[in-house]
Amino acid sequence: MKVTVQFFSYFRQRTGKTEMPVELPAEATAGDLVENLGFDKSITLVAVGVEFVKLSDRLHEGDIVSLMPPLQGGSDEELLITDKPIDSAETTATGDVGGIVIFWGIVRDREEGRPITALDYSAYREMAEHQFRQLIAETHRRWPLKRVRVIHRLGRIPVGEPSLLVRVEAGHRAEAFAAAQFLIDELKQKVPVWKQAVAS
């Protein structure tokens, strides 16, 4: 069985490749692939296409398999993954909105206690967009929201500039606060975006 393996973040740095073909036995699992390539299964996330899989899941001929390290985190929705600076959010809303929560994620001047000048953000874009949209849909299932807006910036972002904007509009403030907290917490666990500090 032949699969194509895509490497992201640490794995791309370690292999020096963005992708490579790999031959595996017919019944091989995602965990078998990780072992075959010599990586630590305890710190490897595996996706097939744009969905995460378990290490025990079997692979199939022609699969596009992505290896990545653990993650950070006619529609009214807006999702944008961009290399450009994030503009300020508008403050107006429609008449049925009673509460708006806006969260800005800002690059701090320290990472793990060390001074930095910027953070370099990278992502598996197709999967990130897919996972973001699933999170937005799940947020709507949990709370009666009017609109959700998520913008995540990629590339090198200097200290003091925003890397993330989450805006949630709802009929009442309680739903807006709860939904915004949920989105922010979940994206760090499920969306394949990584950051690397740029030392000062």
N, C-alpha and C. Protein backbone atom coordinates (compact mmCIF):
# COMPACT_ATOMS: atom_id res chain seq x y z
N MET A 1 0.85 -1.19 0.00
CA MET A 1 0.00 0.00 0.00
C MET A 1 0.89 1.24 0.00
N LYS A 2 0.54 2.20 -0.86
CA LYS A 2 1.30 3.45 -0.92
C LYS A 2 0.43 4.60 -0.45
N VAL A 3 0.97 5.42 0.46
CA VAL A 3 0.29 6.63 0.92
C VAL A 3 1.24 7.81 0.73
N THR A 4 0.68 9.00 0.72
CA THR A 4 1.48 10.21 0.67
C THR A 4 1.45 10.86 2.05
N VAL A 5 2.61 11.14 2.60
CA VAL A 5 2.71 11.74 3.94
C VAL A 5 3.10 13.20 3.81
N GLN A 6 2.29 14.08 4.42
CA GLN A 6 2.60 15.51 4.48
C GLN A 6 3.15 15.82 5.86
N PHE A 7 4.18 16.67 5.92
CA PHE A 7 4.82 17.02 7.19
C PHE A 7 4.53 18.49 7.52
N PHE A 8 4.23 18.75 8.79
CA PHE A 8 3.95 20.10 9.24
C PHE A 8 4.77 20.43 10.48
N SER A 9 5.13 21.73 10.60
CA SER A 9 5.82 22.26 11.76
C SER A 9 7.11 21.47 12.06
N TYR A 10 7.22 20.94 13.29
CA TYR A 10 8.42 20.22 13.73
C TYR A 10 8.81 19.11 12.76
N PHE A 11 7.83 18.38 12.24
CA PHE A 11 8.13 17.25 11.38
C PHE A 11 8.73 17.71 10.04
N ARG A 12 8.29 18.86 9.57
CA ARG A 12 8.87 19.40 8.33
C ARG A 12 10.32 19.82 8.57
N GLN A 13 10.56 20.40 9.75
CA GLN A 13 11.92 20.81 10.09
C GLN A 13 12.83 19.59 10.23
N ARG A 14 12.31 18.54 10.83
CA ARG A 14 13.13 17.35 11.08
C ARG A 14 13.45 16.59 9.80
N THR A 15 12.48 16.47 8.90
CA THR A 15 12.69 15.70 7.68
C THR A 15 13.27 16.53 6.55
N GLY A 16 13.07 17.86 6.62
CA GLY A 16 13.49 18.71 5.52
C GLY A 16 12.62 18.57 4.29
N LYS A 17 11.43 17.99 4.47
CA LYS A 17 10.52 17.76 3.35
C LYS A 17 9.12 18.25 3.69
N THR A 18 8.36 18.58 2.66
CA THR A 18 6.94 18.92 2.86
C THR A 18 6.06 17.68 2.73
N GLU A 19 6.47 16.74 1.87
CA GLU A 19 5.74 15.48 1.73
C GLU A 19 6.62 14.43 1.09
N MET A 20 6.20 13.16 1.22
CA MET A 20 6.93 12.06 0.61
C MET A 20 6.02 10.84 0.51
N PRO A 21 6.23 9.99 -0.51
CA PRO A 21 5.48 8.74 -0.60
C PRO A 21 6.05 7.71 0.35
N VAL A 22 5.18 6.87 0.91
CA VAL A 22 5.63 5.83 1.83
C VAL A 22 4.91 4.53 1.49
N GLU A 23 5.65 3.44 1.41
CA GLU A 23 5.08 2.11 1.20
C GLU A 23 4.85 1.44 2.54
N LEU A 24 3.66 0.86 2.73
CA LEU A 24 3.30 0.20 3.98
C LEU A 24 2.62 -1.14 3.70
N PRO A 25 2.62 -2.05 4.68
CA PRO A 25 1.85 -3.28 4.51
C PRO A 25 0.36 -2.98 4.35
N ALA A 26 -0.37 -3.88 3.77
CA ALA A 26 -1.78 -3.65 3.43
C ALA A 26 -2.65 -3.32 4.64
N GLU A 27 -2.35 -3.87 5.80
CA GLU A 27 -3.19 -3.66 6.98
C GLU A 27 -2.63 -2.60 7.92
N ALA A 28 -1.72 -1.78 7.46
CA ALA A 28 -1.03 -0.82 8.33
C ALA A 28 -1.98 0.22 8.90
N THR A 29 -1.66 0.64 10.12
CA THR A 29 -2.44 1.67 10.80
C THR A 29 -1.67 2.99 10.81
N ALA A 30 -2.34 4.03 11.28
CA ALA A 30 -1.67 5.33 11.41
C ALA A 30 -0.48 5.23 12.36
N GLY A 31 -0.64 4.44 13.43
CA GLY A 31 0.45 4.25 14.37
C GLY A 31 1.64 3.53 13.74
N ASP A 32 1.34 2.55 12.86
CA ASP A 32 2.41 1.85 12.15
C ASP A 32 3.21 2.82 11.29
N LEU A 33 2.51 3.75 10.64
CA LEU A 33 3.19 4.74 9.81
C LEU A 33 4.13 5.60 10.65
N VAL A 34 3.63 6.07 11.79
CA VAL A 34 4.45 6.92 12.66
C VAL A 34 5.70 6.17 13.11
N GLU A 35 5.53 4.91 13.51
CA GLU A 35 6.68 4.10 13.93
C GLU A 35 7.63 3.87 12.77
N ASN A 36 7.09 3.59 11.60
CA ASN A 36 7.90 3.34 10.41
C ASN A 36 8.81 4.51 10.09
N LEU A 37 8.31 5.72 10.36
CA LEU A 37 9.09 6.92 10.07
C LEU A 37 9.99 7.34 11.24
N GLY A 38 9.91 6.62 12.35
CA GLY A 38 10.80 6.86 13.48
C GLY A 38 10.38 8.01 14.38
N PHE A 39 9.09 8.34 14.38
CA PHE A 39 8.61 9.43 15.24
C PHE A 39 7.97 8.88 16.51
N ASP A 40 7.92 9.73 17.52
CA ASP A 40 7.33 9.39 18.81
C ASP A 40 5.82 9.49 18.71
N LYS A 41 5.11 8.38 18.91
CA LYS A 41 3.65 8.38 18.79
C LYS A 41 2.97 9.25 19.84
N SER A 42 3.63 9.43 20.97
CA SER A 42 3.00 10.19 22.06
C SER A 42 2.92 11.69 21.76
N ILE A 43 3.69 12.16 20.79
CA ILE A 43 3.66 13.59 20.47
C ILE A 43 3.34 13.83 18.99
N THR A 44 2.67 12.84 18.37
CA THR A 44 2.33 12.96 16.96
C THR A 44 0.83 12.90 16.75
N LEU A 45 0.28 13.90 16.08
CA LEU A 45 -1.11 13.88 15.66
C LEU A 45 -1.15 13.48 14.20
N VAL A 46 -2.14 12.68 13.85
CA VAL A 46 -2.27 12.17 12.48
C VAL A 46 -3.63 12.54 11.92
N ALA A 47 -3.64 13.02 10.67
CA ALA A 47 -4.90 13.30 9.97
C ALA A 47 -4.85 12.62 8.61
N VAL A 48 -6.02 12.17 8.17
CA VAL A 48 -6.18 11.68 6.80
C VAL A 48 -7.14 12.63 6.11
N GLY A 49 -6.67 13.26 5.04
CA GLY A 49 -7.47 14.33 4.45
C GLY A 49 -7.48 15.50 5.41
N VAL A 50 -8.69 15.92 5.82
CA VAL A 50 -8.80 17.04 6.76
C VAL A 50 -9.43 16.61 8.08
N GLU A 51 -9.38 15.30 8.38
CA GLU A 51 -9.94 14.79 9.64
C GLU A 51 -8.87 14.08 10.44
N PHE A 52 -8.83 14.35 11.76
CA PHE A 52 -7.92 13.62 12.63
C PHE A 52 -8.34 12.16 12.69
N VAL A 53 -7.35 11.26 12.82
CA VAL A 53 -7.62 9.84 13.00
C VAL A 53 -6.87 9.34 14.22
N LYS A 54 -7.30 8.18 14.72
CA LYS A 54 -6.62 7.55 15.84
C LYS A 54 -5.42 6.75 15.32
N LEU A 55 -4.45 6.55 16.18
CA LEU A 55 -3.28 5.78 15.79
C LEU A 55 -3.65 4.34 15.43
N SER A 56 -4.76 3.86 15.97
CA SER A 56 -5.20 2.49 15.69
C SER A 56 -6.00 2.37 14.40
N ASP A 57 -6.34 3.50 13.77
CA ASP A 57 -7.14 3.47 12.53
C ASP A 57 -6.29 2.97 11.37
N ARG A 58 -6.90 2.13 10.52
CA ARG A 58 -6.20 1.61 9.35
C ARG A 58 -6.11 2.65 8.24
N LEU A 59 -5.01 2.60 7.52
CA LEU A 59 -4.83 3.47 6.36
C LEU A 59 -5.23 2.71 5.11
N HIS A 60 -5.42 3.47 4.02
CA HIS A 60 -5.85 2.86 2.76
C HIS A 60 -5.00 3.37 1.60
N GLU A 61 -4.95 2.59 0.56
CA GLU A 61 -4.19 2.95 -0.64
C GLU A 61 -4.57 4.35 -1.11
N GLY A 62 -3.53 5.19 -1.33
CA GLY A 62 -3.77 6.52 -1.86
C GLY A 62 -4.10 7.58 -0.83
N ASP A 63 -4.15 7.21 0.46
CA ASP A 63 -4.46 8.20 1.50
C ASP A 63 -3.43 9.33 1.51
N ILE A 64 -3.91 10.54 1.78
CA ILE A 64 -3.04 11.68 2.05
C ILE A 64 -2.99 11.83 3.57
N VAL A 65 -1.86 11.50 4.16
CA VAL A 65 -1.73 11.46 5.62
C VAL A 65 -0.86 12.62 6.08
N SER A 66 -1.35 13.35 7.07
CA SER A 66 -0.60 14.49 7.59
C SER A 66 -0.10 14.18 9.00
N LEU A 67 1.17 14.49 9.24
CA LEU A 67 1.76 14.33 10.57
C LEU A 67 2.04 15.72 11.13
N MET A 68 1.63 15.93 12.37
CA MET A 68 1.80 17.24 12.98
C MET A 68 1.98 17.10 14.48
N PRO A 69 2.63 18.07 15.12
CA PRO A 69 2.79 18.03 16.58
C PRO A 69 1.50 18.44 17.27
N PRO A 70 1.41 18.30 18.59
CA PRO A 70 0.23 18.75 19.32
C PRO A 70 -0.07 20.22 19.01
N LEU A 71 -1.34 20.59 19.07
CA LEU A 71 -1.81 21.90 18.63
C LEU A 71 -1.82 22.93 19.76
N GLN A 72 -1.84 24.12 19.48
CA GLN A 72 -2.00 25.25 20.39
C GLN A 72 -3.42 25.23 20.99
N GLY A 73 -4.65 26.90 18.80
CA GLY A 73 -6.25 26.53 19.97
C GLY A 73 -6.62 28.36 20.03
N GLY A 74 -24.53 32.68 1.54
CA GLY A 74 -25.73 32.89 2.30
C GLY A 74 -25.58 32.48 3.71
N SER A 75 -24.36 32.86 4.46
CA SER A 75 -24.16 32.54 5.85
C SER A 75 -23.80 33.79 6.59
N ASP A 76 -24.10 33.76 7.89
CA ASP A 76 -23.73 34.89 8.73
C ASP A 76 -22.34 34.72 9.30
N GLU A 77 -21.67 33.63 8.95
CA GLU A 77 -20.36 33.36 9.52
C GLU A 77 -19.27 34.02 8.68
N GLU A 78 -18.16 34.28 9.34
CA GLU A 78 -16.98 34.71 8.60
C GLU A 78 -15.77 34.04 9.19
N LEU A 79 -15.02 33.35 8.35
CA LEU A 79 -13.78 32.71 8.76
C LEU A 79 -12.70 33.16 7.80
N LEU A 80 -11.59 33.58 8.36
CA LEU A 80 -10.49 34.04 7.51
C LEU A 80 -9.17 33.61 8.14
N ILE A 81 -8.36 32.90 7.36
CA ILE A 81 -6.99 32.61 7.74
C ILE A 81 -6.12 33.39 6.77
N THR A 82 -5.36 34.33 7.29
CA THR A 82 -4.73 35.32 6.43
C THR A 82 -3.29 35.59 6.80
N ASP A 83 -2.53 36.06 5.82
CA ASP A 83 -1.15 36.50 6.07
C ASP A 83 -1.08 37.99 6.31
N LYS A 84 -2.21 38.69 6.22
CA LYS A 84 -2.22 40.16 6.36
C LYS A 84 -2.62 40.56 7.78
N PRO A 85 -2.26 41.77 8.21
CA PRO A 85 -2.69 42.25 9.53
C PRO A 85 -4.20 42.24 9.68
N ILE A 86 -4.67 42.06 10.90
CA ILE A 86 -6.10 42.01 11.18
C ILE A 86 -6.61 43.43 11.44
N ASP A 87 -7.62 43.82 10.68
CA ASP A 87 -8.22 45.14 10.88
C ASP A 87 -9.08 45.16 12.14
N SER A 88 -9.34 46.35 12.65
CA SER A 88 -10.21 46.50 13.81
C SER A 88 -11.62 46.03 13.46
N ALA A 89 -12.27 45.41 14.41
CA ALA A 89 -13.64 44.93 14.20
C ALA A 89 -14.61 46.09 14.29
N GLU A 90 -15.67 46.01 13.47
CA GLU A 90 -16.70 47.03 13.56
C GLU A 90 -17.49 46.88 14.85
N THR A 91 -18.08 47.94 15.35
CA THR A 91 -18.79 47.88 16.63
C THR A 91 -20.30 47.89 16.46
N THR A 92 -20.81 48.14 15.26
CA THR A 92 -22.25 48.16 15.05
C THR A 92 -22.77 46.75 14.84
N ALA A 93 -24.08 46.57 15.03
CA ALA A 93 -24.70 45.27 14.86
C ALA A 93 -26.16 45.47 14.51
N THR A 94 -26.83 44.39 14.13
CA THR A 94 -28.26 44.46 13.83
C THR A 94 -29.07 44.60 15.11
N GLY A 95 -30.34 44.96 14.95
CA GLY A 95 -31.18 45.28 16.11
C GLY A 95 -31.49 44.12 17.03
N ASP A 96 -31.32 42.86 16.55
CA ASP A 96 -31.65 41.72 17.41
C ASP A 96 -30.45 41.23 18.21
N VAL A 97 -29.34 41.95 18.14
CA VAL A 97 -28.14 41.58 18.90
C VAL A 97 -28.10 42.37 20.20
N GLY A 98 -28.04 41.65 21.33
CA GLY A 98 -28.00 42.31 22.63
C GLY A 98 -26.63 42.28 23.27
N GLY A 99 -25.73 41.44 22.74
CA GLY A 99 -24.38 41.34 23.31
C GLY A 99 -23.37 40.93 22.27
N ILE A 100 -22.21 41.60 22.28
CA ILE A 100 -21.11 41.24 21.39
C ILE A 100 -19.86 41.06 22.26
N VAL A 101 -19.22 39.91 22.10
CA VAL A 101 -17.94 39.67 22.77
C VAL A 101 -16.86 39.61 21.71
N ILE A 102 -15.83 40.43 21.87
CA ILE A 102 -14.71 40.47 20.94
C ILE A 102 -13.43 40.14 21.70
N PHE A 103 -12.73 39.11 21.22
CA PHE A 103 -11.47 38.72 21.84
C PHE A 103 -10.34 38.94 20.85
N TRP A 104 -9.30 39.63 21.29
CA TRP A 104 -8.09 39.82 20.51
C TRP A 104 -6.97 39.00 21.15
N GLY A 105 -6.35 38.11 20.39
CA GLY A 105 -5.15 37.42 20.85
C GLY A 105 -3.94 38.21 20.40
N ILE A 106 -3.16 38.72 21.33
CA ILE A 106 -2.03 39.61 21.04
C ILE A 106 -0.70 38.90 21.31
N VAL A 107 0.27 39.13 20.46
CA VAL A 107 1.61 38.55 20.67
C VAL A 107 2.29 39.27 21.82
N ARG A 108 2.63 38.51 22.86
CA ARG A 108 3.32 39.07 24.02
C ARG A 108 4.82 39.14 23.79
N ASP A 109 5.51 39.85 24.69
CA ASP A 109 6.96 40.02 24.51
C ASP A 109 7.78 38.90 25.14
N ARG A 110 7.10 37.85 25.64
CA ARG A 110 7.82 36.72 26.23
C ARG A 110 7.14 35.42 25.83
N GLU A 111 7.95 34.40 25.62
CA GLU A 111 7.45 33.06 25.32
C GLU A 111 8.25 32.08 26.16
N GLU A 112 7.54 31.36 27.04
CA GLU A 112 8.19 30.45 27.98
C GLU A 112 9.24 31.18 28.82
N GLY A 113 8.93 32.41 29.21
CA GLY A 113 9.79 33.19 30.08
C GLY A 113 10.95 33.89 29.41
N ARG A 114 11.09 33.74 28.09
CA ARG A 114 12.21 34.36 27.39
C ARG A 114 11.72 35.51 26.52
N PRO A 115 12.49 36.59 26.43
CA PRO A 115 12.07 37.73 25.60
C PRO A 115 12.08 37.38 24.12
N ILE A 116 11.06 37.86 23.40
CA ILE A 116 10.97 37.61 21.96
C ILE A 116 10.61 38.92 21.25
N THR A 117 10.79 38.92 19.94
CA THR A 117 10.40 40.08 19.13
C THR A 117 9.17 39.80 18.29
N ALA A 118 8.87 38.50 18.07
CA ALA A 118 7.74 38.14 17.21
C ALA A 118 7.44 36.66 17.37
N LEU A 119 6.31 36.24 16.80
CA LEU A 119 5.98 34.83 16.69
C LEU A 119 5.75 34.51 15.21
N ASP A 120 6.29 33.37 14.77
CA ASP A 120 6.02 32.87 13.43
C ASP A 120 4.90 31.83 13.51
N TYR A 121 3.77 32.12 12.85
CA TYR A 121 2.64 31.20 12.84
C TYR A 121 2.58 30.47 11.50
N SER A 122 2.38 29.16 11.57
CA SER A 122 2.19 28.35 10.37
C SER A 122 0.97 27.46 10.58
N ALA A 123 0.42 26.93 9.49
CA ALA A 123 -0.79 26.12 9.59
C ALA A 123 -0.90 25.16 8.42
N TYR A 124 -1.64 24.11 8.64
CA TYR A 124 -2.14 23.26 7.56
C TYR A 124 -3.47 23.91 7.17
N ARG A 125 -3.43 24.79 6.19
CA ARG A 125 -4.55 25.70 5.93
C ARG A 125 -5.87 24.99 5.64
N GLU A 126 -5.84 24.01 4.74
CA GLU A 126 -7.10 23.35 4.37
C GLU A 126 -7.74 22.69 5.58
N MET A 127 -6.92 22.02 6.38
CA MET A 127 -7.47 21.36 7.56
C MET A 127 -7.88 22.38 8.61
N ALA A 128 -7.10 23.45 8.76
CA ALA A 128 -7.44 24.49 9.73
C ALA A 128 -8.80 25.10 9.41
N GLU A 129 -9.05 25.40 8.14
CA GLU A 129 -10.34 25.96 7.76
C GLU A 129 -11.47 24.97 8.04
N HIS A 130 -11.23 23.71 7.72
CA HIS A 130 -12.24 22.67 7.97
C HIS A 130 -12.54 22.56 9.47
N GLN A 131 -11.51 22.50 10.29
CA GLN A 131 -11.72 22.36 11.74
C GLN A 131 -12.37 23.62 12.33
N PHE A 132 -11.96 24.79 11.84
CA PHE A 132 -12.60 26.03 12.29
C PHE A 132 -14.10 26.00 12.00
N ARG A 133 -14.46 25.58 10.79
CA ARG A 133 -15.87 25.57 10.42
C ARG A 133 -16.66 24.56 11.25
N GLN A 134 -16.04 23.44 11.57
CA GLN A 134 -16.70 22.48 12.46
C GLN A 134 -16.92 23.08 13.84
N LEU A 135 -15.92 23.82 14.34
CA LEU A 135 -16.05 24.46 15.65
C LEU A 135 -17.16 25.51 15.64
N ILE A 136 -17.22 26.29 14.56
CA ILE A 136 -18.27 27.31 14.46
C ILE A 136 -19.65 26.64 14.46
N ALA A 137 -19.78 25.55 13.70
CA ALA A 137 -21.06 24.83 13.65
C ALA A 137 -21.42 24.28 15.02
N GLU A 138 -20.44 23.71 15.73
CA GLU A 138 -20.70 23.17 17.07
C GLU A 138 -21.09 24.28 18.04
N THR A 139 -20.46 25.45 17.90
CA THR A 139 -20.80 26.58 18.76
C THR A 139 -22.26 26.99 18.55
N HIS A 140 -22.70 26.99 17.30
CA HIS A 140 -24.11 27.32 17.02
C HIS A 140 -25.06 26.27 17.57
N ARG A 141 -24.64 25.02 17.60
CA ARG A 141 -25.50 23.99 18.16
C ARG A 141 -25.68 24.17 19.66
N ARG A 142 -24.67 24.72 20.31
CA ARG A 142 -24.72 24.87 21.77
C ARG A 142 -25.42 26.14 22.23
N TRP A 143 -25.30 27.20 21.46
CA TRP A 143 -25.87 28.49 21.88
C TRP A 143 -26.64 29.15 20.74
N PRO A 144 -27.70 29.91 21.04
CA PRO A 144 -28.47 30.62 20.00
C PRO A 144 -27.78 31.93 19.61
N LEU A 145 -26.86 31.83 18.67
CA LEU A 145 -26.04 32.98 18.30
C LEU A 145 -26.55 33.62 17.01
N LYS A 146 -26.21 34.89 16.84
CA LYS A 146 -26.57 35.62 15.63
C LYS A 146 -25.46 35.55 14.58
N ARG A 147 -24.22 35.69 15.03
CA ARG A 147 -23.10 35.70 14.09
C ARG A 147 -21.80 35.37 14.81
N VAL A 148 -20.92 34.68 14.11
CA VAL A 148 -19.59 34.36 14.63
C VAL A 148 -18.56 34.78 13.58
N ARG A 149 -17.51 35.41 14.03
CA ARG A 149 -16.43 35.83 13.13
C ARG A 149 -15.11 35.39 13.73
N VAL A 150 -14.30 34.67 12.96
CA VAL A 150 -12.99 34.22 13.42
C VAL A 150 -11.95 34.58 12.37
N ILE A 151 -10.89 35.26 12.78
CA ILE A 151 -9.78 35.59 11.89
C ILE A 151 -8.50 35.16 12.58
N HIS A 152 -7.69 34.36 11.89
CA HIS A 152 -6.38 33.95 12.42
C HIS A 152 -5.31 34.36 11.43
N ARG A 153 -4.32 35.07 11.91
CA ARG A 153 -3.23 35.53 11.05
C ARG A 153 -2.08 34.54 11.07
N LEU A 154 -1.42 34.39 9.94
CA LEU A 154 -0.25 33.54 9.81
C LEU A 154 0.97 34.37 9.45
N GLY A 155 2.14 33.73 9.46
CA GLY A 155 3.37 34.44 9.15
C GLY A 155 4.00 35.04 10.40
N ARG A 156 4.94 35.95 10.20
CA ARG A 156 5.64 36.57 11.32
C ARG A 156 4.84 37.76 11.85
N ILE A 157 4.50 37.70 13.14
CA ILE A 157 3.67 38.74 13.76
C ILE A 157 4.47 39.37 14.90
N PRO A 158 4.79 40.65 14.81
CA PRO A 158 5.59 41.31 15.84
C PRO A 158 4.86 41.40 17.18
N VAL A 159 5.64 41.56 18.23
CA VAL A 159 5.07 41.77 19.57
C VAL A 159 4.13 42.97 19.54
N GLY A 160 2.99 42.82 20.20
CA GLY A 160 2.02 43.90 20.29
C GLY A 160 0.95 43.89 19.22
N GLU A 161 1.11 43.04 18.19
CA GLU A 161 0.11 42.96 17.13
C GLU A 161 -0.77 41.73 17.33
N PRO A 162 -2.03 41.78 16.84
CA PRO A 162 -2.95 40.65 17.04
C PRO A 162 -2.69 39.49 16.08
N SER A 163 -2.83 38.28 16.62
CA SER A 163 -2.75 37.07 15.80
C SER A 163 -4.12 36.43 15.63
N LEU A 164 -5.07 36.78 16.50
CA LEU A 164 -6.38 36.14 16.48
C LEU A 164 -7.48 37.13 16.84
N LEU A 165 -8.58 37.05 16.11
CA LEU A 165 -9.80 37.79 16.46
C LEU A 165 -10.97 36.83 16.49
N VAL A 166 -11.68 36.81 17.60
CA VAL A 166 -12.92 36.05 17.73
C VAL A 166 -14.03 37.04 18.11
N ARG A 167 -15.06 37.11 17.31
CA ARG A 167 -16.19 38.01 17.58
C ARG A 167 -17.47 37.18 17.57
N VAL A 168 -18.21 37.26 18.65
CA VAL A 168 -19.47 36.51 18.79
C VAL A 168 -20.60 37.48 19.09
N GLU A 169 -21.68 37.40 18.30
CA GLU A 169 -22.87 38.22 18.51
C GLU A 169 -24.03 37.32 18.93
N ALA A 170 -24.76 37.74 19.95
CA ALA A 170 -25.89 36.95 20.44
C ALA A 170 -26.98 37.88 20.95
N GLY A 171 -28.15 37.29 21.20
CA GLY A 171 -29.25 38.09 21.73
C GLY A 171 -28.99 38.55 23.15
N HIS A 172 -28.19 37.79 23.89
CA HIS A 172 -27.90 38.11 25.29
C HIS A 172 -26.41 37.92 25.56
N ARG A 173 -25.88 38.64 26.53
CA ARG A 173 -24.44 38.63 26.80
C ARG A 173 -23.94 37.27 27.28
N ALA A 174 -24.78 36.52 28.05
CA ALA A 174 -24.32 35.25 28.61
C ALA A 174 -23.92 34.27 27.51
N GLU A 175 -24.78 34.17 26.47
CA GLU A 175 -24.46 33.27 25.37
C GLU A 175 -23.21 33.72 24.62
N ALA A 176 -23.06 35.03 24.45
CA ALA A 176 -21.90 35.55 23.72
C ALA A 176 -20.61 35.24 24.47
N PHE A 177 -20.59 35.46 25.79
CA PHE A 177 -19.38 35.17 26.58
C PHE A 177 -19.06 33.68 26.56
N ALA A 178 -20.07 32.83 26.78
CA ALA A 178 -19.84 31.39 26.84
C ALA A 178 -19.35 30.85 25.51
N ALA A 179 -19.94 31.30 24.42
CA ALA A 179 -19.55 30.82 23.09
C ALA A 179 -18.14 31.26 22.73
N ALA A 180 -17.79 32.49 23.06
CA ALA A 180 -16.45 32.99 22.76
C ALA A 180 -15.40 32.18 23.53
N GLN A 181 -15.66 31.92 24.81
CA GLN A 181 -14.73 31.12 25.62
C GLN A 181 -14.56 29.73 25.03
N PHE A 182 -15.67 29.12 24.63
CA PHE A 182 -15.63 27.78 24.04
C PHE A 182 -14.78 27.77 22.76
N LEU A 183 -15.00 28.72 21.88
CA LEU A 183 -14.25 28.79 20.63
C LEU A 183 -12.76 28.94 20.87
N ILE A 184 -12.40 29.85 21.76
CA ILE A 184 -10.99 30.11 22.03
C ILE A 184 -10.31 28.88 22.61
N ASP A 185 -10.97 28.23 23.58
CA ASP A 185 -10.39 27.03 24.20
C ASP A 185 -10.26 25.88 23.19
N GLU A 186 -11.30 25.66 22.40
CA GLU A 186 -11.31 24.52 21.49
C GLU A 186 -10.35 24.68 20.32
N LEU A 187 -10.18 25.89 19.83
CA LEU A 187 -9.30 26.06 18.67
C LEU A 187 -7.87 25.71 19.02
N LYS A 188 -7.47 25.93 20.28
CA LYS A 188 -6.11 25.58 20.69
C LYS A 188 -5.90 24.06 20.71
N GLN A 189 -7.00 23.31 20.82
CA GLN A 189 -6.91 21.85 20.89
C GLN A 189 -7.10 21.18 19.54
N LYS A 190 -7.85 21.81 18.63
CA LYS A 190 -8.30 21.10 17.43
C LYS A 190 -7.87 21.70 16.09
N VAL A 191 -7.39 22.93 16.08
CA VAL A 191 -7.05 23.57 14.81
C VAL A 191 -5.54 23.52 14.60
N PRO A 192 -5.07 22.97 13.46
CA PRO A 192 -3.64 22.80 13.22
C PRO A 192 -2.93 24.11 12.85
N VAL A 193 -2.68 24.90 13.89
CA VAL A 193 -1.89 26.15 13.76
C VAL A 193 -0.78 26.06 14.80
N TRP A 194 0.45 26.40 14.38
CA TRP A 194 1.59 26.33 15.29
C TRP A 194 2.30 27.68 15.33
N LYS A 195 2.99 27.90 16.44
CA LYS A 195 3.77 29.13 16.56
C LYS A 195 5.20 28.82 16.96
N GLN A 196 6.11 29.66 16.51
CA GLN A 196 7.53 29.53 16.86
C GLN A 196 8.06 30.90 17.22
N ALA A 197 8.69 31.01 18.38
CA ALA A 197 9.18 32.29 18.87
C ALA A 197 10.38 32.77 18.06
N VAL A 198 10.45 34.08 17.88
CA VAL A 198 11.61 34.73 17.26
C VAL A 198 12.34 35.48 18.38
N ALA A 199 13.51 35.01 18.74
CA ALA A 199 14.23 35.56 19.89
C ALA A 199 14.63 37.01 19.65
N SER A 200 14.66 37.76 20.75
CA SER A 200 15.06 39.18 20.65
C SER A 200 16.59 39.29 20.66
